Amino acid sequence: MSSELEMRNKEATQRIWELIESDDLDALDEVLAEDVILCVPGEEESRGIDEYKEYIETYKKAFPNTSFEVHDMFVDGDVVITHFTWRATHEGELEGIEATGNTIESPGMTINRFEDGKAVEDINYWDNLDVFQQLGVMEPPTG
């Protein structure tokens, strides 16, 4: 793999983050494959760009002021790994949980795999238990 290809994949990953944060989901077509696979903790795998956008829209309705701080990005050929912190305020219903008004801050990792300049996989890792505790809908474990 050439470093030029790696740079394009890194730039495409940065663009995904920017488009999600700015609510420009239509422009995701530029950087996501039509049959992109989205994997997130505790959710069934989503297939296709329309399901990807629906997932993002659901979360953006619940957390309209979502922001991401990207700490590190590592590129190896067709794979880009991003270490980030997600910050947002819970202002809308999500999975049956009414808006709490609580602000969350959650670190996570994303693995994007690219083919022909577009992400074909978007695999995410973060601590759902921690997020639900910050929302106040689950108690921290004791002991």
C-alpha atoms as a PDB file:
ATOM      1  CA  MET A   1       0.000   0.000   0.000  1.00  0.00           C
ATOM      2  CA  SER A   2       1.263   3.400  -0.828  1.00  0.00           C
ATOM      3  CA  SER A   3       1.399   6.212   1.651  1.00  0.00           C
ATOM      4  CA  GLU A   4      -0.726   8.235  -0.805  1.00  0.00           C
ATOM      5  CA  LEU A   5      -3.535   5.692  -0.442  1.00  0.00           C
ATOM      6  CA  GLU A   6      -3.163   5.729   3.322  1.00  0.00           C
ATOM      7  CA  MET A   7      -3.382   9.534   3.335  1.00  0.00           C
ATOM      8  CA  ARG A   8      -6.594   9.398   1.242  1.00  0.00           C
ATOM      9  CA  ASN A   9      -8.112   6.883   3.654  1.00  0.00           C
ATOM     10  CA  LYS A  10      -7.176   9.068   6.631  1.00  0.00           C
ATOM     11  CA  GLU A  11      -8.687  12.134   4.953  1.00  0.00           C
ATOM     12  CA  ALA A  12     -11.871  10.189   4.158  1.00  0.00           C
ATOM     13  CA  THR A  13     -12.102   9.119   7.813  1.00  0.00           C
ATOM     14  CA  GLN A  14     -11.704  12.729   8.954  1.00  0.00           C
ATOM     15  CA  ARG A  15     -14.454  13.677   6.490  1.00  0.00           C
ATOM     16  CA  ILE A  16     -16.827  11.075   7.988  1.00  0.00           C
ATOM     17  CA  TRP A  17     -16.353  12.625  11.440  1.00  0.00           C
ATOM     18  CA  GLU A  18     -16.889  16.154  10.081  1.00  0.00           C
ATOM     19  CA  LEU A  19     -20.050  15.231   8.167  1.00  0.00           C
ATOM     20  CA  ILE A  20     -21.630  13.472  11.137  1.00  0.00           C
ATOM     21  CA  GLU A  21     -20.814  16.334  13.484  1.00  0.00           C
ATOM     22  CA  SER A  22     -22.173  18.952  11.026  1.00  0.00           C
ATOM     23  CA  ASP A  23     -25.353  16.944  10.170  1.00  0.00           C
ATOM     24  CA  ASP A  24     -24.438  16.794   6.457  1.00  0.00           C
ATOM     25  CA  LEU A  25     -25.466  13.158   6.136  1.00  0.00           C
ATOM     26  CA  ASP A  26     -26.245  13.358   2.399  1.00  0.00           C
ATOM     27  CA  ALA A  27     -22.570  14.057   1.748  1.00  0.00           C
ATOM     28  CA  LEU A  28     -21.636  10.754   3.407  1.00  0.00           C
ATOM     29  CA  ASP A  29     -22.158   9.227  -0.051  1.00  0.00           C
ATOM     30  CA  GLU A  30     -18.755  10.747  -0.909  1.00  0.00           C
ATOM     31  CA  VAL A  31     -16.915   8.595   1.640  1.00  0.00           C
ATOM     32  CA  LEU A  32     -19.105   5.556   2.395  1.00  0.00           C
ATOM     33  CA  ALA A  33     -19.667   2.571   0.140  1.00  0.00           C
ATOM     34  CA  GLU A  34     -23.278   1.852  -0.832  1.00  0.00           C
ATOM     35  CA  ASP A  35     -23.134  -1.439   1.124  1.00  0.00           C
ATOM     36  CA  VAL A  36     -21.174  -0.107   4.140  1.00  0.00           C
ATOM     37  CA  ILE A  37     -21.409  -2.210   7.313  1.00  0.00           C
ATOM     38  CA  LEU A  38     -21.861  -0.364  10.624  1.00  0.00           C
ATOM     39  CA  CYS A  39     -21.144  -2.171  13.900  1.00  0.00           C
ATOM     40  CA  VAL A  40     -21.817  -0.482  17.250  1.00  0.00           C
ATOM     41  CA  PRO A  41     -21.874  -1.868  20.814  1.00  0.00           C
ATOM     42  CA  GLY A  42     -25.164  -3.470  21.793  1.00  0.00           C
ATOM     43  CA  GLU A  43     -26.772  -3.023  18.368  1.00  0.00           C
ATOM     44  CA  GLU A  44     -27.409  -5.303  15.430  1.00  0.00           C
ATOM     45  CA  GLU A  45     -25.106  -4.789  12.478  1.00  0.00           C
ATOM     46  CA  SER A  46     -26.443  -2.215   9.987  1.00  0.00           C
ATOM     47  CA  ARG A  47     -25.944  -2.823   6.285  1.00  0.00           C
ATOM     48  CA  GLY A  48     -26.048  -0.177   3.616  1.00  0.00           C
ATOM     49  CA  ILE A  49     -25.651   3.570   3.544  1.00  0.00           C
ATOM     50  CA  ASP A  50     -29.358   4.233   4.208  1.00  0.00           C
ATOM     51  CA  GLU A  51     -29.308   2.227   7.459  1.00  0.00           C
ATOM     52  CA  TYR A  52     -26.046   3.952   8.397  1.00  0.00           C
ATOM     53  CA  LYS A  53     -27.649   7.375   7.938  1.00  0.00           C
ATOM     54  CA  GLU A  54     -30.790   6.317   9.854  1.00  0.00           C
ATOM     55  CA  TYR A  55     -28.637   5.225  12.781  1.00  0.00           C
ATOM     56  CA  ILE A  56     -26.775   8.539  12.829  1.00  0.00           C
ATOM     57  CA  GLU A  57     -30.054  10.514  12.537  1.00  0.00           C
ATOM     58  CA  THR A  58     -31.508   8.628  15.522  1.00  0.00           C
ATOM     59  CA  TYR A  59     -28.538   9.522  17.692  1.00  0.00           C
ATOM     60  CA  LYS A  60     -28.366  13.109  16.442  1.00  0.00           C
ATOM     61  CA  LYS A  61     -32.051  13.630  17.383  1.00  0.00           C
ATOM     62  CA  ALA A  62     -31.288  12.431  20.894  1.00  0.00           C
ATOM     63  CA  PHE A  63     -27.921  14.234  21.104  1.00  0.00           C
ATOM     64  CA  PRO A  64     -28.147  17.240  18.729  1.00  0.00           C
ATOM     65  CA  ASN A  65     -25.004  18.948  20.040  1.00  0.00           C
ATOM     66  CA  THR A  66     -22.794  15.912  19.454  1.00  0.00           C
ATOM     67  CA  SER A  67     -19.109  16.664  19.105  1.00  0.00           C
ATOM     68  CA  PHE A  68     -16.086  14.449  18.669  1.00  0.00           C
ATOM     69  CA  GLU A  69     -12.561  15.110  19.788  1.00  0.00           C
ATOM     70  CA  VAL A  70     -10.205  12.977  17.745  1.00  0.00           C
ATOM     71  CA  HIS A  71      -7.102  12.166  19.783  1.00  0.00           C
ATOM     72  CA  ASP A  72      -5.229   9.818  17.466  1.00  0.00           C
ATOM     73  CA  MET A  73      -5.595   8.293  14.030  1.00  0.00           C
ATOM     74  CA  PHE A  74      -3.555   5.297  12.963  1.00  0.00           C
ATOM     75  CA  VAL A  75      -3.437   4.158   9.341  1.00  0.00           C
ATOM     76  CA  ASP A  76      -2.254   0.828   7.992  1.00  0.00           C
ATOM     77  CA  GLY A  77      -3.092   0.326   4.337  1.00  0.00           C
ATOM     78  CA  ASP A  78      -6.864   0.136   3.961  1.00  0.00           C
ATOM     79  CA  VAL A  79      -7.581   0.401   7.714  1.00  0.00           C
ATOM     80  CA  VAL A  80      -7.883   3.593   9.784  1.00  0.00           C
ATOM     81  CA  ILE A  81      -8.235   3.379  13.565  1.00  0.00           C
ATOM     82  CA  THR A  82      -9.462   6.476  15.395  1.00  0.00           C
ATOM     83  CA  HIS A  83      -9.327   7.114  19.145  1.00  0.00           C
ATOM     84  CA  PHE A  84     -11.932   9.732  20.058  1.00  0.00           C
ATOM     85  CA  THR A  85     -14.042  11.250  22.831  1.00  0.00           C
ATOM     86  CA  TRP A  86     -17.755  11.773  22.189  1.00  0.00           C
ATOM     87  CA  ARG A  87     -19.434  14.657  24.025  1.00  0.00           C
ATOM     88  CA  ALA A  88     -23.135  15.468  23.873  1.00  0.00           C
ATOM     89  CA  THR A  89     -26.233  16.458  25.840  1.00  0.00           C
ATOM     90  CA  HIS A  90     -29.214  14.101  25.908  1.00  0.00           C
ATOM     91  CA  GLU A  91     -32.021  16.317  24.573  1.00  0.00           C
ATOM     92  CA  GLY A  92     -34.290  13.794  22.823  1.00  0.00           C
ATOM     93  CA  GLU A  93     -35.742  10.302  23.209  1.00  0.00           C
ATOM     94  CA  LEU A  94     -33.380   7.396  22.576  1.00  0.00           C
ATOM     95  CA  GLU A  95     -34.329   3.729  22.741  1.00  0.00           C
ATOM     96  CA  GLY A  96     -37.295   4.515  25.011  1.00  0.00           C
ATOM     97  CA  ILE A  97     -35.258   6.791  27.278  1.00  0.00           C
ATOM     98  CA  GLU A  98     -36.768  10.259  27.488  1.00  0.00           C
ATOM     99  CA  ALA A  99     -34.409  13.236  27.373  1.00  0.00           C
ATOM    100  CA  THR A 100     -32.495  13.570  30.639  1.00  0.00           C
ATOM    101  CA  GLY A 101     -30.659  16.805  29.918  1.00  0.00           C
ATOM    102  CA  ASN A 102     -27.495  15.058  31.096  1.00  0.00           C
ATOM    103  CA  THR A 103     -24.210  15.682  29.355  1.00  0.00           C
ATOM    104  CA  ILE A 104     -22.126  12.653  28.512  1.00  0.00           C
ATOM    105  CA  GLU A 105     -18.473  12.228  27.724  1.00  0.00           C
ATOM    106  CA  SER A 106     -17.369   8.855  26.433  1.00  0.00           C
ATOM    107  CA  PRO A 107     -14.074   7.683  24.942  1.00  0.00           C
ATOM    108  CA  GLY A 108     -14.156   5.228  22.068  1.00  0.00           C
ATOM    109  CA  MET A 109     -12.416   3.694  19.095  1.00  0.00           C
ATOM    110  CA  THR A 110     -13.501   3.283  15.493  1.00  0.00           C
ATOM    111  CA  ILE A 111     -12.040   1.005  12.859  1.00  0.00           C
ATOM    112  CA  ASN A 112     -12.768   1.961   9.256  1.00  0.00           C
ATOM    113  CA  ARG A 113     -11.829  -0.329   6.380  1.00  0.00           C
ATOM    114  CA  PHE A 114     -11.670   1.135   2.891  1.00  0.00           C
ATOM    115  CA  GLU A 115     -12.021  -0.153  -0.652  1.00  0.00           C
ATOM    116  CA  ASP A 116     -11.650   2.144  -3.647  1.00  0.00           C
ATOM    117  CA  GLY A 117     -11.568   5.260  -1.462  1.00  0.00           C
ATOM    118  CA  LYS A 118     -14.800   4.565   0.433  1.00  0.00           C
ATOM    119  CA  ALA A 119     -15.407   3.032   3.843  1.00  0.00           C
ATOM    120  CA  VAL A 120     -16.903  -0.460   3.562  1.00  0.00           C
ATOM    121  CA  GLU A 121     -16.817  -1.120   7.322  1.00  0.00           C
ATOM    122  CA  ASP A 122     -17.266   1.196  10.308  1.00  0.00           C
ATOM    123  CA  ILE A 123     -16.712  -0.733  13.540  1.00  0.00           C
ATOM    124  CA  ASN A 124     -17.160   1.183  16.794  1.00  0.00           C
ATOM    125  CA  TYR A 125     -16.216   0.488  20.390  1.00  0.00           C
ATOM    126  CA  TRP A 126     -17.315   2.442  23.456  1.00  0.00           C
ATOM    127  CA  ASP A 127     -18.657   1.659  26.904  1.00  0.00           C
ATOM    128  CA  ASN A 128     -22.469   1.642  26.705  1.00  0.00           C
ATOM    129  CA  LEU A 129     -22.749   0.944  30.435  1.00  0.00           C
ATOM    130  CA  ASP A 130     -20.791   4.119  31.193  1.00  0.00           C
ATOM    131  CA  VAL A 131     -23.001   6.143  28.811  1.00  0.00           C
ATOM    132  CA  PHE A 132     -26.219   4.846  30.428  1.00  0.00           C
ATOM    133  CA  GLN A 133     -24.782   5.595  33.880  1.00  0.00           C
ATOM    134  CA  GLN A 134     -23.986   9.165  32.787  1.00  0.00           C
ATOM    135  CA  LEU A 135     -27.556   9.491  31.529  1.00  0.00           C
ATOM    136  CA  GLY A 136     -28.710   8.443  34.997  1.00  0.00           C
ATOM    137  CA  VAL A 137     -30.728   5.453  33.803  1.00  0.00           C
ATOM    138  CA  MET A 138     -28.413   2.782  35.298  1.00  0.00           C
ATOM    139  CA  GLU A 139     -26.691   2.639  38.632  1.00  0.00           C
ATOM    140  CA  PRO A 140     -22.939   2.008  38.753  1.00  0.00           C
ATOM    141  CA  PRO A 141     -22.067  -1.471  40.001  1.00  0.00           C
ATOM    142  CA  THR A 142     -21.225  -1.708  43.689  1.00  0.00           C
ATOM    143  CA  GLY A 143     -18.647  -3.788  45.399  1.00  0.00           C
END
